[in-house]
C-alpha atoms as a PDB file:
ATOM      1  CA  UNK A   1      28.347 -11.687 -24.328  1.00  0.00           C
ATOM      2  CA  UNK A   2      26.515 -13.686 -21.792  1.00  0.00           C
ATOM      3  CA  UNK A   3      29.227 -16.502 -21.733  1.00  0.00           C
ATOM      4  CA  UNK A   4      32.099 -13.819 -21.269  1.00  0.00           C
ATOM      5  CA  UNK A   5      30.049 -12.229 -18.471  1.00  0.00           C
ATOM      6  CA  UNK A   6      29.695 -15.651 -16.781  1.00  0.00           C
ATOM      7  CA  UNK A   7      33.449 -16.247 -17.154  1.00  0.00           C
ATOM      8  CA  UNK A   8      34.236 -12.822 -15.755  1.00  0.00           C
ATOM      9  CA  UNK A   9      31.914 -13.667 -12.625  1.00  0.00           C
ATOM     10  CA  UNK A  10      33.742 -16.905 -11.925  1.00  0.00           C
ATOM     11  CA  UNK A  11      37.221 -15.344 -12.527  1.00  0.00           C
ATOM     12  CA  UNK A  12      36.442 -12.764  -9.895  1.00  0.00           C
ATOM     13  CA  UNK A  13      34.713 -14.727  -7.264  1.00  0.00           C
ATOM     14  CA  UNK A  14      37.604 -14.301  -4.765  1.00  0.00           C
ATOM     15  CA  UNK A  15      36.748 -10.650  -4.653  1.00  0.00           C
ATOM     16  CA  UNK A  16      33.640 -11.228  -2.670  1.00  0.00           C
ATOM     17  CA  UNK A  17      35.169 -14.178  -0.544  1.00  0.00           C
ATOM     18  CA  UNK A  18      33.826 -14.130   2.992  1.00  0.00           C
ATOM     19  CA  UNK A  19      30.946 -11.703   2.170  1.00  0.00           C
ATOM     20  CA  UNK A  20      27.324 -12.584   2.415  1.00  0.00           C
ATOM     21  CA  UNK A  21      25.497 -11.433  -0.820  1.00  0.00           C
ATOM     22  CA  UNK A  22      22.571  -9.114   0.206  1.00  0.00           C
ATOM     23  CA  UNK A  23      21.698  -7.822  -3.141  1.00  0.00           C
ATOM     24  CA  UNK A  24      21.715  -9.033  -6.745  1.00  0.00           C
ATOM     25  CA  UNK A  25      20.958  -6.453  -9.567  1.00  0.00           C
ATOM     26  CA  UNK A  26      20.140  -7.052 -13.089  1.00  0.00           C
ATOM     27  CA  UNK A  27      20.514  -3.482 -14.807  1.00  0.00           C
ATOM     28  CA  UNK A  28      22.693  -1.289 -16.716  1.00  0.00           C
ATOM     29  CA  UNK A  29      21.005  -1.882 -20.094  1.00  0.00           C
ATOM     30  CA  UNK A  30      17.866  -3.631 -20.815  1.00  0.00           C
ATOM     31  CA  UNK A  31      18.105  -7.052 -18.913  1.00  0.00           C
ATOM     32  CA  UNK A  32      14.406  -7.788 -19.275  1.00  0.00           C
ATOM     33  CA  UNK A  33      15.254  -8.511 -22.947  1.00  0.00           C
ATOM     34  CA  UNK A  34      16.801 -11.811 -21.787  1.00  0.00           C
ATOM     35  CA  UNK A  35      14.855 -14.706 -21.907  1.00  0.00           C
ATOM     36  CA  UNK A  36      14.185 -16.200 -18.409  1.00  0.00           C
ATOM     37  CA  UNK A  37      16.509 -19.203 -18.887  1.00  0.00           C
ATOM     38  CA  UNK A  38      19.283 -16.844 -19.435  1.00  0.00           C
ATOM     39  CA  UNK A  39      18.488 -14.888 -16.209  1.00  0.00           C
ATOM     40  CA  UNK A  40      18.270 -18.379 -14.560  1.00  0.00           C
ATOM     41  CA  UNK A  41      21.751 -19.359 -15.684  1.00  0.00           C
ATOM     42  CA  UNK A  42      23.199 -16.331 -13.921  1.00  0.00           C
ATOM     43  CA  UNK A  43      21.212 -16.892 -10.714  1.00  0.00           C
ATOM     44  CA  UNK A  44      22.294 -20.474 -10.602  1.00  0.00           C
ATOM     45  CA  UNK A  45      26.071 -19.422 -11.025  1.00  0.00           C
ATOM     46  CA  UNK A  46      25.686 -16.925  -8.397  1.00  0.00           C
ATOM     47  CA  UNK A  47      24.091 -19.294  -5.950  1.00  0.00           C
ATOM     48  CA  UNK A  48      26.752 -21.964  -6.612  1.00  0.00           C
ATOM     49  CA  UNK A  49      29.700 -19.906  -6.124  1.00  0.00           C
ATOM     50  CA  UNK A  50      28.809 -17.277  -3.548  1.00  0.00           C
ATOM     51  CA  UNK A  51      27.001 -17.274  -0.098  1.00  0.00           C
ATOM     52  CA  UNK A  52      23.625 -15.611  -0.845  1.00  0.00           C
ATOM     53  CA  UNK A  53      21.503 -14.391   1.935  1.00  0.00           C
ATOM     54  CA  UNK A  54      18.090 -16.049   2.076  1.00  0.00           C
ATOM     55  CA  UNK A  55      16.586 -12.501   2.345  1.00  0.00           C
ATOM     56  CA  UNK A  56      18.669 -11.123  -0.598  1.00  0.00           C
ATOM     57  CA  UNK A  57      17.084  -8.496  -2.714  1.00  0.00           C
ATOM     58  CA  UNK A  58      17.111  -9.621  -6.264  1.00  0.00           C
ATOM     59  CA  UNK A  59      16.164  -6.867  -8.720  1.00  0.00           C
ATOM     60  CA  UNK A  60      15.465  -6.685 -12.437  1.00  0.00           C
ATOM     61  CA  UNK A  61      15.232  -3.626 -14.339  1.00  0.00           C
ATOM     62  CA  UNK A  62      12.443  -4.066 -16.990  1.00  0.00           C
ATOM     63  CA  UNK A  63      11.087  -1.864 -19.672  1.00  0.00           C
ATOM     64  CA  UNK A  64       7.333  -1.664 -19.725  1.00  0.00           C
ATOM     65  CA  UNK A  65       7.031  -3.338 -23.168  1.00  0.00           C
ATOM     66  CA  UNK A  66       8.790  -6.357 -21.958  1.00  0.00           C
ATOM     67  CA  UNK A  67       6.434  -6.849 -18.975  1.00  0.00           C
ATOM     68  CA  UNK A  68       4.144  -9.569 -20.107  1.00  0.00           C
ATOM     69  CA  UNK A  69       2.242 -12.087 -17.953  1.00  0.00           C
ATOM     70  CA  UNK A  70       4.465 -15.057 -19.107  1.00  0.00           C
ATOM     71  CA  UNK A  71       7.731 -13.069 -18.300  1.00  0.00           C
ATOM     72  CA  UNK A  72       6.493 -11.774 -14.871  1.00  0.00           C
ATOM     73  CA  UNK A  73       5.432 -15.298 -13.892  1.00  0.00           C
ATOM     74  CA  UNK A  74       8.837 -16.748 -15.057  1.00  0.00           C
ATOM     75  CA  UNK A  75      10.922 -13.983 -13.346  1.00  0.00           C
ATOM     76  CA  UNK A  76       8.920 -14.402 -10.046  1.00  0.00           C
ATOM     77  CA  UNK A  77       9.570 -18.172 -10.185  1.00  0.00           C
ATOM     78  CA  UNK A  78      13.211 -17.548 -10.535  1.00  0.00           C
ATOM     79  CA  UNK A  79      13.440 -15.635  -7.282  1.00  0.00           C
ATOM     80  CA  UNK A  80      13.303 -12.060  -8.724  1.00  0.00           C
ATOM     81  CA  UNK A  81      11.516 -10.330  -5.764  1.00  0.00           C
ATOM     82  CA  UNK A  82      11.811  -6.615  -6.984  1.00  0.00           C
ATOM     83  CA  UNK A  83      11.103  -4.957 -10.283  1.00  0.00           C
ATOM     84  CA  UNK A  84      12.390  -1.455 -11.242  1.00  0.00           C
ATOM     85  CA  UNK A  85      10.278  -0.128 -14.228  1.00  0.00           C
ATOM     86  CA  UNK A  86      11.119   2.926 -16.128  1.00  0.00           C
ATOM     87  CA  UNK A  87       7.828   4.772 -16.517  1.00  0.00           C
ATOM     88  CA  UNK A  88       9.458   8.098 -16.799  1.00  0.00           C
ATOM     89  CA  UNK A  89       6.441  10.287 -17.579  1.00  0.00           C
ATOM     90  CA  UNK A  90       2.446   9.772 -18.169  1.00  0.00           C
ATOM     91  CA  UNK A  91       2.388  12.382 -20.929  1.00  0.00           C
ATOM     92  CA  UNK A  92       2.459  10.732 -24.339  1.00  0.00           C
ATOM     93  CA  UNK A  93       4.455  13.491 -25.884  1.00  0.00           C
ATOM     94  CA  UNK A  94       7.284  13.138 -23.392  1.00  0.00           C
ATOM     95  CA  UNK A  95       7.461   9.345 -23.952  1.00  0.00           C
ATOM     96  CA  UNK A  96       7.561  10.249 -27.682  1.00  0.00           C
ATOM     97  CA  UNK A  97      10.617  12.525 -27.641  1.00  0.00           C
ATOM     98  CA  UNK A  98      12.211  10.096 -25.032  1.00  0.00           C
ATOM     99  CA  UNK A  99      11.824   7.454 -27.819  1.00  0.00           C
ATOM    100  CA  UNK A 100       9.984   5.127 -25.195  1.00  0.00           C
ATOM    101  CA  UNK A 101       7.992   2.480 -27.008  1.00  0.00           C
ATOM    102  CA  UNK A 102       5.236   2.219 -24.399  1.00  0.00           C
ATOM    103  CA  UNK A 103       2.308   4.420 -23.874  1.00  0.00           C
ATOM    104  CA  UNK A 104       1.020   5.990 -20.575  1.00  0.00           C
ATOM    105  CA  UNK A 105      -1.807   3.467 -20.438  1.00  0.00           C
ATOM    106  CA  UNK A 106       0.601   0.529 -21.161  1.00  0.00           C
ATOM    107  CA  UNK A 107       2.851   1.873 -18.281  1.00  0.00           C
ATOM    108  CA  UNK A 108      -0.219   1.400 -15.919  1.00  0.00           C
ATOM    109  CA  UNK A 109      -1.032  -1.956 -17.293  1.00  0.00           C
ATOM    110  CA  UNK A 110       2.418  -3.303 -16.953  1.00  0.00           C
ATOM    111  CA  UNK A 111       2.281  -2.598 -13.167  1.00  0.00           C
ATOM    112  CA  UNK A 112      -0.915  -4.450 -12.797  1.00  0.00           C
ATOM    113  CA  UNK A 113       0.581  -7.462 -14.779  1.00  0.00           C
ATOM    114  CA  UNK A 114       3.616  -7.559 -12.403  1.00  0.00           C
ATOM    115  CA  UNK A 115       1.464  -7.315  -9.282  1.00  0.00           C
ATOM    116  CA  UNK A 116      -0.795 -10.149 -10.584  1.00  0.00           C
ATOM    117  CA  UNK A 117       2.205 -12.251 -11.040  1.00  0.00           C
ATOM    118  CA  UNK A 118       2.992 -11.889  -7.241  1.00  0.00           C
ATOM    119  CA  UNK A 119       5.444  -8.811  -7.157  1.00  0.00           C
ATOM    120  CA  UNK A 120       4.829  -6.889  -4.108  1.00  0.00           C
ATOM    121  CA  UNK A 121       7.910  -4.740  -4.318  1.00  0.00           C
ATOM    122  CA  UNK A 122       7.994  -2.576  -7.523  1.00  0.00           C
ATOM    123  CA  UNK A 123       9.782   0.609  -8.126  1.00  0.00           C
ATOM    124  CA  UNK A 124       9.140   3.036 -10.764  1.00  0.00           C
ATOM    125  CA  UNK A 125      11.182   5.915 -12.344  1.00  0.00           C
ATOM    126  CA  UNK A 126       9.642   9.335 -12.826  1.00  0.00           C
ATOM    127  CA  UNK A 127      11.315  12.366 -14.208  1.00  0.00           C
ATOM    128  CA  UNK A 128      10.478  16.079 -13.137  1.00  0.00           C
ATOM    129  CA  UNK A 129      11.612  19.261 -14.678  1.00  0.00           C
ATOM    130  CA  UNK A 130      10.161  17.978 -18.071  1.00  0.00           C
ATOM    131  CA  UNK A 131       9.451  20.630 -20.691  1.00  0.00           C
ATOM    132  CA  UNK A 132       6.102  22.599 -20.033  1.00  0.00           C
ATOM    133  CA  UNK A 133       5.332  20.376 -16.972  1.00  0.00           C
ATOM    134  CA  UNK A 134       3.250  22.511 -14.581  1.00  0.00           C
ATOM    135  CA  UNK A 135       3.057  21.763 -10.851  1.00  0.00           C
ATOM    136  CA  UNK A 136      -0.542  20.646 -11.389  1.00  0.00           C
ATOM    137  CA  UNK A 137       0.458  17.894 -13.974  1.00  0.00           C
ATOM    138  CA  UNK A 138       3.377  16.836 -11.808  1.00  0.00           C
ATOM    139  CA  UNK A 139       1.119  16.329  -8.812  1.00  0.00           C
ATOM    140  CA  UNK A 140      -1.202  14.208 -11.243  1.00  0.00           C
ATOM    141  CA  UNK A 141       1.706  12.022 -11.962  1.00  0.00           C
ATOM    142  CA  UNK A 142       2.370  11.440  -8.348  1.00  0.00           C
ATOM    143  CA  UNK A 143      -1.320  10.844  -7.710  1.00  0.00           C
ATOM    144  CA  UNK A 144      -1.286   8.073 -10.461  1.00  0.00           C
ATOM    145  CA  UNK A 145       1.604   6.321  -8.826  1.00  0.00           C
ATOM    146  CA  UNK A 146      -0.302   6.277  -5.595  1.00  0.00           C
ATOM    147  CA  UNK A 147      -3.375   4.756  -7.435  1.00  0.00           C
ATOM    148  CA  UNK A 148      -0.964   1.989  -8.599  1.00  0.00           C
ATOM    149  CA  UNK A 149       0.009   1.097  -5.096  1.00  0.00           C
ATOM    150  CA  UNK A 150       3.805   1.356  -5.864  1.00  0.00           C
ATOM    151  CA  UNK A 151       6.267   0.548  -3.069  1.00  0.00           C
ATOM    152  CA  UNK A 152       9.207   2.482  -4.239  1.00  0.00           C
ATOM    153  CA  UNK A 153       9.636   5.656  -6.434  1.00  0.00           C
ATOM    154  CA  UNK A 154      13.192   6.899  -7.867  1.00  0.00           C
ATOM    155  CA  UNK A 155      12.489  10.553  -9.167  1.00  0.00           C
ATOM    156  CA  UNK A 156      15.288  12.399 -11.179  1.00  0.00           C
ATOM    157  CA  UNK A 157      15.519  15.840 -12.589  1.00  0.00           C
ATOM    158  CA  UNK A 158      15.632  16.011 -16.299  1.00  0.00           C
ATOM    159  CA  UNK A 159      19.220  16.754 -17.331  1.00  0.00           C
ATOM    160  CA  UNK A 160      20.289  17.923 -20.791  1.00  0.00           C
ATOM    161  CA  UNK A 161      23.454  16.319 -21.904  1.00  0.00           C
ATOM    162  CA  UNK A 162      25.450  16.933 -25.100  1.00  0.00           C
ATOM    163  CA  UNK A 163      25.522  14.485 -27.953  1.00  0.00           C
ATOM    164  CA  UNK A 164      21.993  13.354 -27.069  1.00  0.00           C
ATOM    165  CA  UNK A 165      18.777  13.616 -29.040  1.00  0.00           C
ATOM    166  CA  UNK A 166      17.394  15.897 -26.229  1.00  0.00           C
ATOM    167  CA  UNK A 167      20.193  18.168 -26.566  1.00  0.00           C
ATOM    168  CA  UNK A 168      19.322  18.796 -30.261  1.00  0.00           C
ATOM    169  CA  UNK A 169      15.820  19.285 -29.407  1.00  0.00           C
ATOM    170  CA  UNK A 170      16.659  21.915 -26.938  1.00  0.00           C
ATOM    171  CA  UNK A 171      19.299  23.624 -28.907  1.00  0.00           C
ATOM    172  CA  UNK A 172      16.870  23.826 -31.849  1.00  0.00           C
ATOM    173  CA  UNK A 173      14.307  25.359 -29.683  1.00  0.00           C
ATOM    174  CA  UNK A 174      11.757  22.540 -30.051  1.00  0.00           C
ATOM    175  CA  UNK A 175      11.738  21.754 -26.314  1.00  0.00           C
ATOM    176  CA  UNK A 176      12.393  23.958 -23.198  1.00  0.00           C
ATOM    177  CA  UNK A 177      13.088  22.234 -19.990  1.00  0.00           C
ATOM    178  CA  UNK A 178      11.721  23.599 -16.695  1.00  0.00           C
ATOM    179  CA  UNK A 179      13.901  26.284 -15.213  1.00  0.00           C
ATOM    180  CA  UNK A 180      15.544  25.902 -11.808  1.00  0.00           C
ATOM    181  CA  UNK A 181      12.708  27.401  -9.900  1.00  0.00           C
ATOM    182  CA  UNK A 182      10.220  24.860 -11.469  1.00  0.00           C
ATOM    183  CA  UNK A 183      12.490  22.059 -10.821  1.00  0.00           C
ATOM    184  CA  UNK A 184      13.052  23.173  -7.259  1.00  0.00           C
ATOM    185  CA  UNK A 185       9.287  23.668  -6.625  1.00  0.00           C
ATOM    186  CA  UNK A 186       8.409  20.200  -8.105  1.00  0.00           C
ATOM    187  CA  UNK A 187      11.135  18.451  -6.213  1.00  0.00           C
ATOM    188  CA  UNK A 188       9.892  19.813  -2.810  1.00  0.00           C
ATOM    189  CA  UNK A 189       6.358  19.115  -3.808  1.00  0.00           C
ATOM    190  CA  UNK A 190       7.479  15.486  -4.427  1.00  0.00           C
ATOM    191  CA  UNK A 191       8.941  15.216  -1.010  1.00  0.00           C
ATOM    192  CA  UNK A 192       6.050  16.607   0.760  1.00  0.00           C
ATOM    193  CA  UNK A 193       3.455  14.411  -1.143  1.00  0.00           C
ATOM    194  CA  UNK A 194       5.393  11.274  -0.750  1.00  0.00           C
ATOM    195  CA  UNK A 195       6.333  11.619   2.893  1.00  0.00           C
ATOM    196  CA  UNK A 196       2.819  12.500   3.751  1.00  0.00           C
ATOM    197  CA  UNK A 197       1.692   9.350   1.887  1.00  0.00           C
ATOM    198  CA  UNK A 198       4.071   7.174   4.081  1.00  0.00           C
ATOM    199  CA  UNK A 199       7.115   7.139   1.867  1.00  0.00           C
ATOM    200  CA  UNK A 200      10.692   7.316   3.562  1.00  0.00           C
ATOM    201  CA  UNK A 201      12.868   9.883   1.746  1.00  0.00           C
ATOM    202  CA  UNK A 202      15.939   7.960   2.361  1.00  0.00           C
ATOM    203  CA  UNK A 203      18.227   9.343  -0.352  1.00  0.00           C
ATOM    204  CA  UNK A 204      17.747  12.482  -2.485  1.00  0.00           C
ATOM    205  CA  UNK A 205      16.308  10.721  -5.445  1.00  0.00           C
ATOM    206  CA  UNK A 206      14.536   7.758  -3.769  1.00  0.00           C
ATOM    207  CA  UNK A 207      11.555   7.033  -1.666  1.00  0.00           C
ATOM    208  CA  UNK A 208      10.421   3.640  -0.282  1.00  0.00           C
ATOM    209  CA  UNK A 209       7.643   2.638   1.901  1.00  0.00           C
ATOM    210  CA  UNK A 210       8.834   1.221   5.142  1.00  0.00           C
ATOM    211  CA  UNK A 211      11.195  -1.692   5.128  1.00  0.00           C
ATOM    212  CA  UNK A 212      11.212  -1.410   1.153  1.00  0.00           C
ATOM    213  CA  UNK A 213      14.085   0.948   0.705  1.00  0.00           C
ATOM    214  CA  UNK A 214      16.295  -0.552  -1.985  1.00  0.00           C
ATOM    215  CA  UNK A 215      19.117  -2.667  -0.161  1.00  0.00           C
ATOM    216  CA  UNK A 216      21.036  -2.343  -3.379  1.00  0.00           C
ATOM    217  CA  UNK A 217      20.997   1.371  -3.670  1.00  0.00           C
ATOM    218  CA  UNK A 218      21.450   1.839   0.119  1.00  0.00           C
ATOM    219  CA  UNK A 219      24.528  -0.414   0.289  1.00  0.00           C
ATOM    220  CA  UNK A 220      26.002   1.673  -2.428  1.00  0.00           C
ATOM    221  CA  UNK A 221      25.636   4.899  -0.580  1.00  0.00           C
ATOM    222  CA  UNK A 222      26.841   3.126   2.667  1.00  0.00           C
ATOM    223  CA  UNK A 223      30.225   2.295   0.821  1.00  0.00           C
ATOM    224  CA  UNK A 224      29.514  -1.542   0.934  1.00  0.00           C
ATOM    225  CA  UNK A 225      31.801  -3.630  -1.341  1.00  0.00           C
ATOM    226  CA  UNK A 226      30.017  -4.515  -4.832  1.00  0.00           C
ATOM    227  CA  UNK A 227      31.171  -6.449  -7.870  1.00  0.00           C
ATOM    228  CA  UNK A 228      29.961  -5.445 -11.315  1.00  0.00           C
ATOM    229  CA  UNK A 229      30.045  -7.715 -14.277  1.00  0.00           C
ATOM    230  CA  UNK A 230      29.945  -6.859 -17.928  1.00  0.00           C
ATOM    231  CA  UNK A 231      30.635  -3.959 -20.203  1.00  0.00           C
ATOM    232  CA  UNK A 232      30.685  -0.584 -18.422  1.00  0.00           C
ATOM    233  CA  UNK A 233      30.079  -2.253 -14.976  1.00  0.00           C
ATOM    234  CA  UNK A 234      31.895  -0.629 -12.036  1.00  0.00           C
ATOM    235  CA  UNK A 235      33.150  -2.261  -8.835  1.00  0.00           C
ATOM    236  CA  UNK A 236      34.374  -1.217  -5.360  1.00  0.00           C
ATOM    237  CA  UNK A 237      36.028  -2.886  -2.626  1.00  0.00           C
ATOM    238  CA  UNK A 238      36.424  -0.073  -0.211  1.00  0.00           C
ATOM    239  CA  UNK A 239      39.855   0.960  -1.345  1.00  0.00           C
ATOM    240  CA  UNK A 240      40.025   0.306  -5.044  1.00  0.00           C
ATOM    241  CA  UNK A 241      37.452   1.221  -7.861  1.00  0.00           C
ATOM    242  CA  UNK A 242      37.298  -0.693 -11.044  1.00  0.00           C
ATOM    243  CA  UNK A 243      35.403  -0.484 -14.234  1.00  0.00           C
ATOM    244  CA  UNK A 244      35.076  -2.529 -17.344  1.00  0.00           C
ATOM    245  CA  UNK A 245      35.406  -1.196 -20.731  1.00  0.00           C
ATOM    246  CA  UNK A 246      32.210   0.029 -22.427  1.00  0.00           C
ATOM    247  CA  UNK A 247      33.008  -1.456 -25.760  1.00  0.00           C
ATOM    248  CA  UNK A 248      30.966  -4.711 -26.110  1.00  0.00           C
ATOM    249  CA  UNK A 249      33.336  -6.183 -28.890  1.00  0.00           C
ATOM    250  CA  UNK A 250      36.478  -5.238 -27.083  1.00  0.00           C
ATOM    251  CA  UNK A 251      35.231  -6.524 -23.754  1.00  0.00           C
ATOM    252  CA  UNK A 252      34.342  -9.989 -25.281  1.00  0.00           C
ATOM    253  CA  UNK A 253      37.632 -10.163 -27.358  1.00  0.00           C
ATOM    254  CA  UNK A 254      40.148  -9.135 -24.826  1.00  0.00           C
ATOM    255  CA  UNK A 255      38.643 -10.760 -21.639  1.00  0.00           C
ATOM    256  CA  UNK A 256      41.083 -13.641 -20.672  1.00  0.00           C
ATOM    257  CA  UNK A 257      43.877 -12.534 -23.027  1.00  0.00           C
ATOM    258  CA  UNK A 258      45.129  -9.267 -21.423  1.00  0.00           C
ATOM    259  CA  UNK A 259      43.938  -6.559 -19.027  1.00  0.00           C
ATOM    260  CA  UNK A 260      42.695  -3.985 -21.472  1.00  0.00           C
ATOM    261  CA  UNK A 261      39.137  -4.705 -20.810  1.00  0.00           C
ATOM    262  CA  UNK A 262      39.216  -2.915 -17.501  1.00  0.00           C
ATOM    263  CA  UNK A 263      40.720   0.047 -15.695  1.00  0.00           C
ATOM    264  CA  UNK A 264      41.161   0.397 -11.889  1.00  0.00           C
ATOM    265  CA  UNK A 265      42.559   3.153  -9.418  1.00  0.00           C
ATOM    266  CA  UNK A 266      43.364   3.020  -5.801  1.00  0.00           C
ATOM    267  CA  UNK A 267      41.360   5.925  -4.028  1.00  0.00           C
ATOM    268  CA  UNK A 268      43.581   8.457  -2.056  1.00  0.00           C
ATOM    269  CA  UNK A 269      42.472   9.498   1.375  1.00  0.00           C
ATOM    270  CA  UNK A 270      41.274  12.643  -0.109  1.00  0.00           C
ATOM    271  CA  UNK A 271      39.011  10.899  -2.848  1.00  0.00           C
ATOM    272  CA  UNK A 272      37.714   8.669  -0.091  1.00  0.00           C
ATOM    273  CA  UNK A 273      36.811  11.691   2.206  1.00  0.00           C
ATOM    274  CA  UNK A 274      35.117  13.393  -0.737  1.00  0.00           C
ATOM    275  CA  UNK A 275      33.305  10.298  -1.749  1.00  0.00           C
ATOM    276  CA  UNK A 276      32.018   9.657   1.838  1.00  0.00           C
ATOM    277  CA  UNK A 277      30.779  13.257   1.907  1.00  0.00           C
ATOM    278  CA  UNK A 278      29.067  13.077  -1.538  1.00  0.00           C
ATOM    279  CA  UNK A 279      27.223   9.907  -1.111  1.00  0.00           C
ATOM    280  CA  UNK A 280      26.434  10.272   2.602  1.00  0.00           C
ATOM    281  CA  UNK A 281      24.983  13.714   2.321  1.00  0.00           C
ATOM    282  CA  UNK A 282      22.421  12.413  -0.178  1.00  0.00           C
ATOM    283  CA  UNK A 283      20.940  10.051   2.374  1.00  0.00           C
ATOM    284  CA  UNK A 284      18.654  10.392   5.338  1.00  0.00           C
ATOM    285  CA  UNK A 285      21.152   9.021   7.810  1.00  0.00           C
ATOM    286  CA  UNK A 286      23.753  11.421   6.470  1.00  0.00           C
ATOM    287  CA  UNK A 287      27.538  11.453   6.951  1.00  0.00           C
ATOM    288  CA  UNK A 288      29.229   9.767   9.952  1.00  0.00           C
ATOM    289  CA  UNK A 289      31.594  12.109  11.337  1.00  0.00           C
ATOM    290  CA  UNK A 290      33.888   9.542  13.010  1.00  0.00           C
ATOM    291  CA  UNK A 291      34.134   7.540   9.665  1.00  0.00           C
ATOM    292  CA  UNK A 292      34.989  10.841   7.965  1.00  0.00           C
ATOM    293  CA  UNK A 293      37.746  11.799  10.198  1.00  0.00           C
ATOM    294  CA  UNK A 294      39.193   8.330  10.431  1.00  0.00           C
ATOM    295  CA  UNK A 295      40.111   8.897   6.509  1.00  0.00           C
ATOM    296  CA  UNK A 296      41.608  12.393   6.618  1.00  0.00           C
ATOM    297  CA  UNK A 297      41.758  15.705   8.300  1.00  0.00           C
ATOM    298  CA  UNK A 298      39.248  18.478   7.120  1.00  0.00           C
ATOM    299  CA  UNK A 299      40.315  21.790   5.776  1.00  0.00           C
ATOM    300  CA  UNK A 300      40.868  24.824   8.136  1.00  0.00           C
ATOM    301  CA  UNK A 301      37.577  26.355   7.254  1.00  0.00           C
ATOM    302  CA  UNK A 302      35.588  23.137   7.556  1.00  0.00           C
ATOM    303  CA  UNK A 303      33.776  24.178  10.870  1.00  0.00           C
ATOM    304  CA  UNK A 304      33.086  27.617   9.598  1.00  0.00           C
ATOM    305  CA  UNK A 305      31.508  26.215   6.500  1.00  0.00           C
ATOM    306  CA  UNK A 306      29.322  23.924   8.652  1.00  0.00           C
ATOM    307  CA  UNK A 307      28.132  26.699  10.727  1.00  0.00           C
ATOM    308  CA  UNK A 308      27.357  28.658   7.668  1.00  0.00           C
ATOM    309  CA  UNK A 309      25.276  25.970   6.278  1.00  0.00           C
ATOM    310  CA  UNK A 310      23.503  25.496   9.745  1.00  0.00           C
ATOM    311  CA  UNK A 311      22.752  29.002   9.665  1.00  0.00           C
ATOM    312  CA  UNK A 312      21.185  28.661   6.268  1.00  0.00           C
ATOM    313  CA  UNK A 313      19.129  25.783   7.666  1.00  0.00           C
ATOM    314  CA  UNK A 314      20.536  23.504   4.965  1.00  0.00           C
ATOM    315  CA  UNK A 315      22.312  21.129   7.392  1.00  0.00           C
ATOM    316  CA  UNK A 316      21.904  19.735  10.764  1.00  0.00           C
ATOM    317  CA  UNK A 317      25.026  18.612  12.731  1.00  0.00           C
ATOM    318  CA  UNK A 318      24.493  15.999  15.486  1.00  0.00           C
ATOM    319  CA  UNK A 319      27.085  14.599  17.762  1.00  0.00           C
ATOM    320  CA  UNK A 320      27.714  11.956  15.303  1.00  0.00           C
ATOM    321  CA  UNK A 321      26.434  12.931  11.953  1.00  0.00           C
ATOM    322  CA  UNK A 322      25.842  15.603   9.134  1.00  0.00           C
ATOM    323  CA  UNK A 323      22.347  15.494   7.690  1.00  0.00           C
ATOM    324  CA  UNK A 324      20.849  17.802   5.194  1.00  0.00           C
ATOM    325  CA  UNK A 325      17.538  19.448   5.785  1.00  0.00           C
ATOM    326  CA  UNK A 326      14.546  19.263   3.360  1.00  0.00           C
ATOM    327  CA  UNK A 327      15.830  22.621   1.681  1.00  0.00           C
ATOM    328  CA  UNK A 328      19.434  21.484   2.071  1.00  0.00           C
ATOM    329  CA  UNK A 329      18.762  18.682  -0.452  1.00  0.00           C
ATOM    330  CA  UNK A 330      18.284  21.175  -3.091  1.00  0.00           C
ATOM    331  CA  UNK A 331      21.795  22.258  -2.537  1.00  0.00           C
ATOM    332  CA  UNK A 332      23.399  18.777  -1.862  1.00  0.00           C
ATOM    333  CA  UNK A 333      26.160  18.946  -4.605  1.00  0.00           C
ATOM    334  CA  UNK A 334      27.087  22.539  -3.716  1.00  0.00           C
ATOM    335  CA  UNK A 335      27.419  21.681   0.076  1.00  0.00           C
ATOM    336  CA  UNK A 336      29.497  18.495  -0.452  1.00  0.00           C
ATOM    337  CA  UNK A 337      31.777  20.296  -2.903  1.00  0.00           C
ATOM    338  CA  UNK A 338      32.355  23.092  -0.334  1.00  0.00           C
ATOM    339  CA  UNK A 339      33.330  20.481   2.417  1.00  0.00           C
ATOM    340  CA  UNK A 340      35.641  18.615   0.110  1.00  0.00           C
ATOM    341  CA  UNK A 341      39.391  18.453   1.092  1.00  0.00           C
END
């Protein structure tokens, strides 16, 4: 698998010719299962074949149970300068039905281990809207993150998708996710607590301390080109979107022999408009109106809908941008869909 991924990386280097690499992200599965020498081989290949910024953000997604003193020391020495750790929850019963192998105590310990190894840019994932999660318990989760001195938080609302273990538990009545009112209350409480603690709410699900917002995530929402390597990986060059097949065996078997291991599409002006709206409205900087109108013309009722959302105090329109308000972020998907062409 790793050999195929490295071959793909070399075969596609021309796609980023002339670009300076600002972020490298090891994610999409459990890259912390790799031994340090395997991660090192990718970094060497990247640095040899691409122009990488001296201030590039290099992130590794890591499971708490993979975070050991030896691993963290090795990762730090390789140039990994940011860790993204999937804590999810501090309640043992949540971690159990999520099939997480770490405990709440181990979640805190792994952060301390990473910090002792020299990591000063750590992001953790949290989930709100969990079954029977009260506002007081959610606040306690946030407080524990403050105590851990974390620099970045990604918080996501629990979603129940079909054909998952969670869906079966909910369908059988064993678990009852928080309702929309509880989810909204917890989300707004999160915004207030984190912003009062000095975090910048720069994207609906993401909060970072000053100058520690994720470069990788921000570039994605800004529409910057990116190259994804490996099964299921997505790439974007501003006009065309491409994604690799999810089947591991087919990816390895077909690479280099034919083009059945990936698919691609050229985005229409309509799709580019809608995507710019959808991603831009999620951010604190909003949607650039000039960029939007360079792509396509809005619908006839576009201005009327904008006025309606402004009256609802969901959206602010400046001379140059459309920006969602605190309450508007609860309605982001709806607002974007209403403004689609």
